[in-house]
């Protein structure tokens, strides 16, 4: 699954590649709340490592709402 690529590349120190994956994923198509939360948290971590705290914050907040804006 592409959502796991986000965390993998972030852990390997390649936030740029990690951030290529969220753009291809529709959050509404992720089947379970747990996977949706993982997507949001991993994306937020990638944005933080990439040096964009506002985007990281937006993704962390989206975990609660279930949407990414």
PDB file of N, CA and C in Angstrom:
ATOM      1  N   UNK A   1       0.838  -1.188   0.000  1.00  0.00           N
ATOM      2  CA  UNK A   1       0.000   0.000   0.000  1.00  0.00           C
ATOM      3  C   UNK A   1       0.878   1.246   0.000  1.00  0.00           C
ATOM      4  N   UNK A   2       0.440   2.227  -0.731  1.00  0.00           N
ATOM      5  CA  UNK A   2       1.199   3.465  -0.842  1.00  0.00           C
ATOM      6  C   UNK A   2       1.293   4.214   0.487  1.00  0.00           C
ATOM      7  N   UNK A   3       0.296   4.030   1.373  1.00  0.00           N
ATOM      8  CA  UNK A   3       0.353   4.783   2.632  1.00  0.00           C
ATOM      9  C   UNK A   3       1.556   4.383   3.470  1.00  0.00           C
ATOM     10  N   UNK A   4       2.020   3.163   3.334  1.00  0.00           N
ATOM     11  CA  UNK A   4       3.183   2.732   4.107  1.00  0.00           C
ATOM     12  C   UNK A   4       4.483   3.290   3.541  1.00  0.00           C
ATOM     13  N   UNK A   5       4.486   3.679   2.281  1.00  0.00           N
ATOM     14  CA  UNK A   5       5.671   4.271   1.665  1.00  0.00           C
ATOM     15  C   UNK A   5       6.010   5.618   2.299  1.00  0.00           C
ATOM     16  N   UNK A   6       5.002   6.319   2.783  1.00  0.00           N
ATOM     17  CA  UNK A   6       5.224   7.625   3.409  1.00  0.00           C
ATOM     18  C   UNK A   6       6.106   7.461   4.647  1.00  0.00           C
ATOM     19  N   UNK A   7       5.710   6.576   5.545  1.00  0.00           N
ATOM     20  CA  UNK A   7       6.481   6.340   6.767  1.00  0.00           C
ATOM     21  C   UNK A   7       7.835   5.735   6.486  1.00  0.00           C
ATOM     22  N   UNK A   8       7.898   4.844   5.517  1.00  0.00           N
ATOM     23  CA  UNK A   8       9.159   4.201   5.167  1.00  0.00           C
ATOM     24  C   UNK A   8      10.186   5.207   4.690  1.00  0.00           C
ATOM     25  N   UNK A   9       9.809   6.045   3.731  1.00  0.00           N
ATOM     26  CA  UNK A   9      10.759   7.022   3.208  1.00  0.00           C
ATOM     27  C   UNK A   9      11.110   8.094   4.238  1.00  0.00           C
ATOM     28  N   UNK A  10      10.150   8.446   5.087  1.00  0.00           N
ATOM     29  CA  UNK A  10      10.443   9.409   6.151  1.00  0.00           C
ATOM     30  C   UNK A  10      11.467   8.818   7.111  1.00  0.00           C
ATOM     31  N   UNK A  11      11.280   7.563   7.493  1.00  0.00           N
ATOM     32  CA  UNK A  11      12.223   6.901   8.405  1.00  0.00           C
ATOM     33  C   UNK A  11      13.611   6.785   7.792  1.00  0.00           C
ATOM     34  N   UNK A  12      13.671   6.643   6.479  1.00  0.00           N
ATOM     35  CA  UNK A  12      14.963   6.540   5.796  1.00  0.00           C
ATOM     36  C   UNK A  12      15.599   7.904   5.539  1.00  0.00           C
ATOM     37  N   UNK A  13      14.893   8.971   5.928  1.00  0.00           N
ATOM     38  CA  UNK A  13      15.453  10.314   5.800  1.00  0.00           C
ATOM     39  C   UNK A  13      15.185  10.984   4.465  1.00  0.00           C
ATOM     40  N   UNK A  14      14.247  10.475   3.686  1.00  0.00           N
ATOM     41  CA  UNK A  14      13.932  11.041   2.380  1.00  0.00           C
ATOM     42  C   UNK A  14      12.510  11.584   2.379  1.00  0.00           C
ATOM     43  N   UNK A  15      12.337  12.720   3.053  1.00  0.00           N
ATOM     44  CA  UNK A  15      11.005  13.304   3.187  1.00  0.00           C
ATOM     45  C   UNK A  15      10.442  13.737   1.842  1.00  0.00           C
ATOM     46  N   UNK A  16      11.282  14.166   0.926  1.00  0.00           N
ATOM     47  CA  UNK A  16      10.807  14.572  -0.396  1.00  0.00           C
ATOM     48  C   UNK A  16      10.108  13.439  -1.117  1.00  0.00           C
ATOM     49  N   UNK A  17      10.719  12.265  -1.121  1.00  0.00           N
ATOM     50  CA  UNK A  17      10.090  11.097  -1.750  1.00  0.00           C
ATOM     51  C   UNK A  17       8.859  10.677  -0.972  1.00  0.00           C
ATOM     52  N   UNK A  18       8.926  10.759   0.354  1.00  0.00           N
ATOM     53  CA  UNK A  18       7.765  10.404   1.178  1.00  0.00           C
ATOM     54  C   UNK A  18       6.566  11.262   0.808  1.00  0.00           C
ATOM     55  N   UNK A  19       6.800  12.538   0.514  1.00  0.00           N
ATOM     56  CA  UNK A  19       5.702  13.455   0.218  1.00  0.00           C
ATOM     57  C   UNK A  19       5.163  13.308  -1.196  1.00  0.00           C
ATOM     58  N   UNK A  20       5.809  12.520  -2.029  1.00  0.00           N
ATOM     59  CA  UNK A  20       5.244  12.212  -3.342  1.00  0.00           C
ATOM     60  C   UNK A  20       4.019  11.315  -3.215  1.00  0.00           C
ATOM     61  N   UNK A  21       3.976  10.506  -2.186  1.00  0.00           N
ATOM     62  CA  UNK A  21       2.907   9.519  -2.034  1.00  0.00           C
ATOM     63  C   UNK A  21       1.570  10.099  -1.577  1.00  0.00           C
ATOM     64  N   UNK A  22       1.514  11.025  -0.610  1.00  0.00           N
ATOM     65  CA  UNK A  22       0.201  11.533  -0.195  1.00  0.00           C
ATOM     66  C   UNK A  22      -0.573  12.204  -1.327  1.00  0.00           C
ATOM     67  N   UNK A  23       0.144  12.773  -2.266  1.00  0.00           N
ATOM     68  CA  UNK A  23      -0.535  13.452  -3.374  1.00  0.00           C
ATOM     69  C   UNK A  23      -1.332  12.478  -4.235  1.00  0.00           C
ATOM     70  N   UNK A  24      -0.963  11.219  -4.200  1.00  0.00           N
ATOM     71  CA  UNK A  24      -1.610  10.194  -5.026  1.00  0.00           C
ATOM     72  C   UNK A  24      -2.727   9.460  -4.296  1.00  0.00           C
ATOM     73  N   UNK A  25      -2.929   9.773  -3.021  1.00  0.00           N
ATOM     74  CA  UNK A  25      -3.866   9.013  -2.204  1.00  0.00           C
ATOM     75  C   UNK A  25      -5.063   9.883  -1.833  1.00  0.00           C
ATOM     76  N   UNK A  26      -6.253   9.345  -2.043  1.00  0.00           N
ATOM     77  CA  UNK A  26      -7.481   9.998  -1.602  1.00  0.00           C
ATOM     78  C   UNK A  26      -7.826   9.433  -0.229  1.00  0.00           C
ATOM     79  N   UNK A  27      -7.821  10.268   0.779  1.00  0.00           N
ATOM     80  CA  UNK A  27      -8.077   9.828   2.151  1.00  0.00           C
ATOM     81  C   UNK A  27      -9.411   9.086   2.269  1.00  0.00           C
ATOM     82  N   UNK A  28     -10.387   9.509   1.481  1.00  0.00           N
ATOM     83  CA  UNK A  28     -11.704   8.855   1.534  1.00  0.00           C
ATOM     84  C   UNK A  28     -11.647   7.419   1.024  1.00  0.00           C
ATOM     85  N   UNK A  29     -10.614   7.085   0.250  1.00  0.00           N
ATOM     86  CA  UNK A  29     -10.487   5.731  -0.268  1.00  0.00           C
ATOM     87  C   UNK A  29      -9.745   4.789   0.658  1.00  0.00           C
ATOM     88  N   UNK A  30      -9.217   5.298   1.757  1.00  0.00           N
ATOM     89  CA  UNK A  30      -8.521   4.452   2.725  1.00  0.00           C
ATOM     90  C   UNK A  30      -9.583   3.785   3.593  1.00  0.00           C
ATOM     91  N   UNK A  31      -9.581   2.455   3.653  1.00  0.00           N
ATOM     92  CA  UNK A  31     -10.731   1.726   4.202  1.00  0.00           C
ATOM     93  C   UNK A  31     -10.994   1.830   5.700  1.00  0.00           C
ATOM     94  N   UNK A  32      -9.976   1.950   6.530  1.00  0.00           N
ATOM     95  CA  UNK A  32     -10.228   1.920   7.974  1.00  0.00           C
ATOM     96  C   UNK A  32      -9.753   3.209   8.642  1.00  0.00           C
ATOM     97  N   UNK A  33     -10.366   3.572   9.758  1.00  0.00           N
ATOM     98  CA  UNK A  33      -9.925   4.759  10.492  1.00  0.00           C
ATOM     99  C   UNK A  33      -8.463   4.654  10.936  1.00  0.00           C
ATOM    100  N   UNK A  34      -8.024   3.452  11.276  1.00  0.00           N
ATOM    101  CA  UNK A  34      -6.629   3.275  11.710  1.00  0.00           C
ATOM    102  C   UNK A  34      -5.666   3.603  10.570  1.00  0.00           C
ATOM    103  N   UNK A  35      -5.978   3.122   9.379  1.00  0.00           N
ATOM    104  CA  UNK A  35      -5.116   3.412   8.225  1.00  0.00           C
ATOM    105  C   UNK A  35      -5.173   4.888   7.853  1.00  0.00           C
ATOM    106  N   UNK A  36      -6.346   5.500   7.989  1.00  0.00           N
ATOM    107  CA  UNK A  36      -6.470   6.927   7.724  1.00  0.00           C
ATOM    108  C   UNK A  36      -5.609   7.728   8.697  1.00  0.00           C
ATOM    109  N   UNK A  37      -5.658   7.337   9.969  1.00  0.00           N
ATOM    110  CA  UNK A  37      -4.846   8.023  10.982  1.00  0.00           C
ATOM    111  C   UNK A  37      -3.359   7.838  10.691  1.00  0.00           C
ATOM    112  N   UNK A  38      -2.967   6.636  10.317  1.00  0.00           N
ATOM    113  CA  UNK A  38      -1.559   6.386   9.980  1.00  0.00           C
ATOM    114  C   UNK A  38      -1.122   7.271   8.821  1.00  0.00           C
ATOM    115  N   UNK A  39      -1.959   7.357   7.798  1.00  0.00           N
ATOM    116  CA  UNK A  39      -1.674   8.214   6.649  1.00  0.00           C
ATOM    117  C   UNK A  39      -1.438   9.657   7.095  1.00  0.00           C
ATOM    118  N   UNK A  40      -2.336  10.171   7.929  1.00  0.00           N
ATOM    119  CA  UNK A  40      -2.229  11.561   8.377  1.00  0.00           C
ATOM    120  C   UNK A  40      -0.997  11.793   9.242  1.00  0.00           C
ATOM    121  N   UNK A  41      -0.736  10.899  10.166  1.00  0.00           N
ATOM    122  CA  UNK A  41       0.410  11.051  11.065  1.00  0.00           C
ATOM    123  C   UNK A  41       1.726  10.908  10.294  1.00  0.00           C
ATOM    124  N   UNK A  42       1.813   9.914   9.426  1.00  0.00           N
ATOM    125  CA  UNK A  42       3.034   9.738   8.640  1.00  0.00           C
ATOM    126  C   UNK A  42       3.262  10.923   7.703  1.00  0.00           C
ATOM    127  N   UNK A  43       2.189  11.438   7.122  1.00  0.00           N
ATOM    128  CA  UNK A  43       2.315  12.619   6.258  1.00  0.00           C
ATOM    129  C   UNK A  43       2.783  13.826   7.057  1.00  0.00           C
ATOM    130  N   UNK A  44       2.230  13.994   8.255  1.00  0.00           N
ATOM    131  CA  UNK A  44       2.644  15.114   9.107  1.00  0.00           C
ATOM    132  C   UNK A  44       4.122  15.003   9.469  1.00  0.00           C
ATOM    133  N   UNK A  45       4.573  13.823   9.793  1.00  0.00           N
ATOM    134  CA  UNK A  45       5.995  13.641  10.121  1.00  0.00           C
ATOM    135  C   UNK A  45       6.878  13.968   8.918  1.00  0.00           C
ATOM    136  N   UNK A  46       6.438  13.558   7.738  1.00  0.00           N
ATOM    137  CA  UNK A  46       7.208  13.855   6.534  1.00  0.00           C
ATOM    138  C   UNK A  46       7.265  15.361   6.293  1.00  0.00           C
ATOM    139  N   UNK A  47       6.141  16.041   6.453  1.00  0.00           N
ATOM    140  CA  UNK A  47       6.143  17.497   6.278  1.00  0.00           C
ATOM    141  C   UNK A  47       7.049  18.180   7.301  1.00  0.00           C
ATOM    142  N   UNK A  48       7.038  17.691   8.527  1.00  0.00           N
ATOM    143  CA  UNK A  48       7.911  18.269   9.553  1.00  0.00           C
ATOM    144  C   UNK A  48       9.375  18.104   9.170  1.00  0.00           C
ATOM    145  N   UNK A  49       9.740  16.915   8.744  1.00  0.00           N
ATOM    146  CA  UNK A  49      11.135  16.669   8.329  1.00  0.00           C
ATOM    147  C   UNK A  49      11.503  17.478   7.093  1.00  0.00           C
ATOM    148  N   UNK A  50      10.518  17.740   6.239  1.00  0.00           N
ATOM    149  CA  UNK A  50      10.749  18.503   5.020  1.00  0.00           C
ATOM    150  C   UNK A  50      10.907  19.990   5.330  1.00  0.00           C
ATOM    151  N   UNK A  51      10.526  20.385   6.550  1.00  0.00           N
ATOM    152  CA  UNK A  51      10.681  21.778   6.965  1.00  0.00           C
ATOM    153  C   UNK A  51       9.446  22.627   6.742  1.00  0.00           C
ATOM    154  N   UNK A  52       8.273  22.009   6.774  1.00  0.00           N
ATOM    155  CA  UNK A  52       7.035  22.747   6.571  1.00  0.00           C
ATOM    156  C   UNK A  52       6.080  22.476   7.741  1.00  0.00           C
ATOM    157  N   UNK A  53       6.327  23.136   8.900  1.00  0.00           N
ATOM    158  CA  UNK A  53       5.483  22.910  10.074  1.00  0.00           C
ATOM    159  C   UNK A  53       3.992  23.207   9.869  1.00  0.00           C
ATOM    160  N   UNK A  54       3.601  24.236   9.083  1.00  0.00           N
ATOM    161  CA  UNK A  54       2.158  24.452   8.906  1.00  0.00           C
ATOM    162  C   UNK A  54       1.450  23.254   8.246  1.00  0.00           C
ATOM    163  N   UNK A  55       2.088  22.656   7.258  1.00  0.00           N
ATOM    164  CA  UNK A  55       1.490  21.474   6.624  1.00  0.00           C
ATOM    165  C   UNK A  55       1.472  20.292   7.583  1.00  0.00           C
ATOM    166  N   UNK A  56       2.521  20.171   8.384  1.00  0.00           N
ATOM    167  CA  UNK A  56       2.560  19.096   9.379  1.00  0.00           C
ATOM    168  C   UNK A  56       1.407  19.258  10.365  1.00  0.00           C
ATOM    169  N   UNK A  57       1.213  20.461  10.826  1.00  0.00           N
ATOM    170  CA  UNK A  57       0.134  20.736  11.777  1.00  0.00           C
ATOM    171  C   UNK A  57      -1.230  20.441  11.158  1.00  0.00           C
ATOM    172  N   UNK A  58      -1.423  20.829   9.907  1.00  0.00           N
ATOM    173  CA  UNK A  58      -2.684  20.578   9.218  1.00  0.00           C
ATOM    174  C   UNK A  58      -2.982  19.076   9.157  1.00  0.00           C
ATOM    175  N   UNK A  59      -1.961  18.269   8.874  1.00  0.00           N
ATOM    176  CA  UNK A  59      -2.160  16.828   8.790  1.00  0.00           C
ATOM    177  C   UNK A  59      -2.428  16.216  10.174  1.00  0.00           C
ATOM    178  N   UNK A  60      -1.745  16.714  11.208  1.00  0.00           N
ATOM    179  CA  UNK A  60      -2.026  16.203  12.551  1.00  0.00           C
ATOM    180  C   UNK A  60      -3.466  16.512  12.957  1.00  0.00           C
ATOM    181  N   UNK A  61      -3.925  17.726  12.656  1.00  0.00           N
ATOM    182  CA  UNK A  61      -5.310  18.085  12.992  1.00  0.00           C
ATOM    183  C   UNK A  61      -6.308  17.253  12.204  1.00  0.00           C
ATOM    184  N   UNK A  62      -5.950  16.860  11.007  1.00  0.00           N
ATOM    185  CA  UNK A  62      -6.871  16.102  10.168  1.00  0.00           C
ATOM    186  C   UNK A  62      -7.137  14.703  10.696  1.00  0.00           C
ATOM    187  N   UNK A  63      -6.253  14.195  11.552  1.00  0.00           N
ATOM    188  CA  UNK A  63      -6.480  12.876  12.137  1.00  0.00           C
ATOM    189  C   UNK A  63      -7.802  12.886  12.889  1.00  0.00           C
ATOM    190  N   UNK A  64      -8.058  13.954  13.583  1.00  0.00           N
ATOM    191  CA  UNK A  64      -9.287  14.052  14.364  1.00  0.00           C
ATOM    192  C   UNK A  64     -10.515  14.238  13.493  1.00  0.00           C
ATOM    193  N   UNK A  65     -10.362  15.036  12.449  1.00  0.00           N
ATOM    194  CA  UNK A  65     -11.495  15.319  11.573  1.00  0.00           C
ATOM    195  C   UNK A  65     -11.750  14.221  10.550  1.00  0.00           C
ATOM    196  N   UNK A  66     -10.698  13.509  10.186  1.00  0.00           N
ATOM    197  CA  UNK A  66     -10.822  12.488   9.151  1.00  0.00           C
ATOM    198  C   UNK A  66     -10.745  13.038   7.749  1.00  0.00           C
ATOM    199  N   UNK A  67     -10.231  14.278   7.634  1.00  0.00           N
ATOM    200  CA  UNK A  67     -10.074  14.891   6.316  1.00  0.00           C
ATOM    201  C   UNK A  67      -8.768  15.653   6.268  1.00  0.00           C
ATOM    202  N   UNK A  68      -8.204  15.761   5.094  1.00  0.00           N
ATOM    203  CA  UNK A  68      -7.019  16.587   4.877  1.00  0.00           C
ATOM    204  C   UNK A  68      -7.409  17.689   3.924  1.00  0.00           C
ATOM    205  N   UNK A  69      -7.121  18.934   4.313  1.00  0.00           N
ATOM    206  CA  UNK A  69      -7.450  20.066   3.435  1.00  0.00           C
ATOM    207  C   UNK A  69      -6.200  20.601   2.793  1.00  0.00           C
TER     208      UNK A  69
END
